[in-house]
Every structure is written in structure tokens, then in C-alpha cells.
């Protein structure tokens, strides 16, 4: 998993963000080692932009993988969240979930996605065309398995969520392909009770 050594060396209180990265200009399509780094960023429908980073930003990591976390999540989910694993397609909790509600970070409960942006990608994993807020995510270049992919992490916890691809539907053209193990679903009718009355209004 990218940056695992850095994660393990941090205290749980190390959540202060550094100055935001500035997207590279059109003339910086390749890194010093010559590898193509396009796309350099992902743009949201509202104009917000997320820079694709070369490595995870340790200042955004707020948890240290631990036995307590493993016990709470279970071994399989822990492997995904803390070690960057991938759960089997079509054999996970939310790939075929059509209920209305939101999906939060399984570690700390930060809202990440809603059912309004979820769609059937045919991949066997829960897929979304946009998050609730780009600010809740961190994108990191992933060169594992001989491919260049864009890893998606929760900014509040550093948890591995999945990857984002550019083969999604309009209006973004993006597919946030997530692991169910990294998420917890809160049904629409429970949102206010669980502290998200403002998000319940999205379904009115």
C-alpha cells in the first residue's frame, strides 16, 4: 500500500492539512522520470479540482492501522482499508444496493457518496459518478500490477477506498469504483437520527 510506512509512523492526531497542491500546467504532462502523468487532475461538475498526487500526503492521515481497527472492521475489511486490498466483485455488500441513503467512511463515518450518484457499472463493485465533496477524497498515483491507476483514499482517515476511472457516465465521465468494505451505508430514513439532517434534505 502506498505510504504505509508513513501511516504507521504518525500519531492519531496528525490531521492538519498542508497547503493545497497546485495543479500542474499544460506543459507538465510528464514527471522527471518520463512517465506520462495525464490526467493531472480530476474536475468536479461544480468546478472543484483534485490533484493526482505522486504519493499520499501524510498530513491527511488521521488513523494508525491497529488491532483495534482490525477487530472493529474484521480481517477482510481491514485488508482493504489499511492494506489497499480489493474485495471480490459481485460478492460484497453494496454492489447491488439500490436503497436511498449515503455511504460513509467505514473508519470514522465521514460522508463520501450518496445513492443519487450511484449507478450500475457492471463491474460488481459499488460505483459512483461523483462524491459528495471532492474535499473528502485524496487521489494518489498507483503503479501496482504494471498499470497506472488513480487510487482514491479518504482524506480524513487515509483509508483505501478504491480507484477512479475515466469511463463513467455523464456529467463527469468518471467512475469511482469503490470497495464496499471501505464504506458503511446509512439509509435515508436514518440520516437525521445519525447526525446528518442536512444530507437527508438531498432526498426530499
Foldseek 3Di string as FASTA:
>chain_A
DFCLVLLQVDDLQLADDDPDDDQDDPVPQADPVGDGDPPQWAADPVGDIAGAAAGDDSSLARDRDDPVVCVVLPVVLSCCFNVVDADDALPADPLPDQFWFFKAFPPPGHTWATSVQWDNPVGRFTKGLGIPDPVQWHWYFDCPPNDTWIWIAGSNHRTTFGTKDQCDDPDRSIIDGGGNSRIDTDGLVCQVVVPHPVVNVVVD
